[in-house]
Amino acid sequence: MSLPKKMDQQTAMELRSILTKMNITQSKVRINLENDTIEVEDDYSIDDILESAGVLTPEQAKQLANEVKKMREEEWN
């Protein structure tokens, strides 16, 4: 588990500006500089929402999550 580090206000504002230009508006992101990637941490995943609404079975939700993950990985490559 990593420990959060406090940023100064100017740095936080600049990062928000950069992420907004990339169309990333979520409040939680993980930046991996080694792989040059940004991972958005959703509050709720789409499969959780659809499963709780009764639209998908747990297996269908898992399948959908795998498809979304695959599509996101393809976007990065």
Protein backbone atom coordinates (compact mmCIF):
# COMPACT_ATOMS: atom_id res chain seq x y z
CA MET A 1 0.00 0.00 0.00
CA SER A 2 1.35 3.39 -0.92
CA LEU A 3 1.23 6.44 1.28
CA PRO A 4 -0.43 9.59 -0.07
CA LYS A 5 1.80 12.64 -0.37
CA LYS A 6 0.46 16.16 0.02
CA MET A 7 0.97 18.51 -2.95
CA ASP A 8 1.18 22.23 -2.81
CA GLN A 9 -1.83 24.10 -4.22
CA GLN A 10 -0.01 25.36 -7.35
CA THR A 11 1.14 21.85 -8.33
CA ALA A 12 -2.36 20.45 -7.78
CA MET A 13 -3.88 23.19 -9.96
CA GLU A 14 -1.36 22.56 -12.75
CA LEU A 15 -1.99 18.80 -12.68
CA ARG A 16 -5.76 19.37 -12.79
CA SER A 17 -5.27 21.63 -15.81
CA ILE A 18 -3.17 19.02 -17.62
CA LEU A 19 -5.64 16.21 -16.85
CA THR A 20 -8.60 18.34 -17.93
CA LYS A 21 -6.90 18.96 -21.28
CA MET A 22 -6.67 15.15 -21.59
CA ASN A 23 -10.42 14.95 -20.84
CA ILE A 24 -9.80 13.28 -17.48
CA THR A 25 -12.11 14.75 -14.87
CA GLN A 26 -12.24 11.97 -12.26
CA SER A 27 -10.92 12.94 -8.83
CA LYS A 28 -8.72 9.85 -8.43
CA VAL A 29 -6.05 8.84 -10.94
CA ARG A 30 -2.90 6.75 -10.74
CA ILE A 31 0.04 7.93 -12.86
CA ASN A 32 2.71 5.41 -13.78
CA LEU A 33 5.68 7.31 -15.19
CA GLU A 34 7.59 4.11 -15.90
CA ASN A 35 4.87 2.91 -18.31
CA ASP A 36 3.66 6.38 -19.37
CA THR A 37 0.09 5.57 -18.37
CA ILE A 38 -2.74 7.12 -16.37
CA GLU A 39 -5.27 4.86 -14.67
CA VAL A 40 -8.58 6.37 -13.67
CA GLU A 41 -10.05 5.05 -10.44
CA ASP A 42 -13.81 4.90 -10.89
CA ASP A 43 -15.99 5.29 -7.83
CA TYR A 44 -18.23 2.60 -9.29
CA SER A 45 -17.43 0.36 -12.23
CA ILE A 46 -19.99 -0.03 -14.99
CA ASP A 47 -20.48 -3.72 -14.16
CA ASP A 48 -21.30 -2.85 -10.52
CA ILE A 49 -23.91 -0.33 -11.65
CA LEU A 50 -25.55 -2.64 -14.19
CA GLU A 51 -25.46 -5.63 -11.87
CA SER A 52 -27.06 -3.67 -9.04
CA ALA A 53 -29.76 -2.46 -11.43
CA GLY A 54 -30.55 -6.09 -12.23
CA VAL A 55 -29.60 -5.73 -15.87
CA LEU A 56 -26.71 -8.22 -15.79
CA THR A 57 -26.01 -11.45 -14.00
CA PRO A 58 -22.72 -11.57 -12.06
CA GLU A 59 -21.15 -13.62 -14.88
CA GLN A 60 -22.33 -11.13 -17.53
CA ALA A 61 -21.00 -8.27 -15.39
CA LYS A 62 -17.60 -9.97 -15.17
CA GLN A 63 -17.61 -10.52 -18.94
CA LEU A 64 -18.47 -6.86 -19.52
CA ALA A 65 -15.71 -5.73 -17.16
CA ASN A 66 -13.20 -7.86 -19.08
CA GLU A 67 -14.35 -6.36 -22.38
CA VAL A 68 -14.06 -2.81 -21.04
CA LYS A 69 -10.58 -3.56 -19.66
CA LYS A 70 -9.52 -4.98 -23.03
CA MET A 71 -10.85 -1.92 -24.87
CA ARG A 72 -9.04 0.44 -22.48
CA GLU A 73 -5.77 -1.46 -22.94
CA GLU A 74 -6.17 -1.23 -26.73
CA GLU A 75 -6.69 2.54 -26.47
CA TRP A 76 -3.37 2.91 -24.65
CA ASN A 77 -1.49 0.94 -27.31
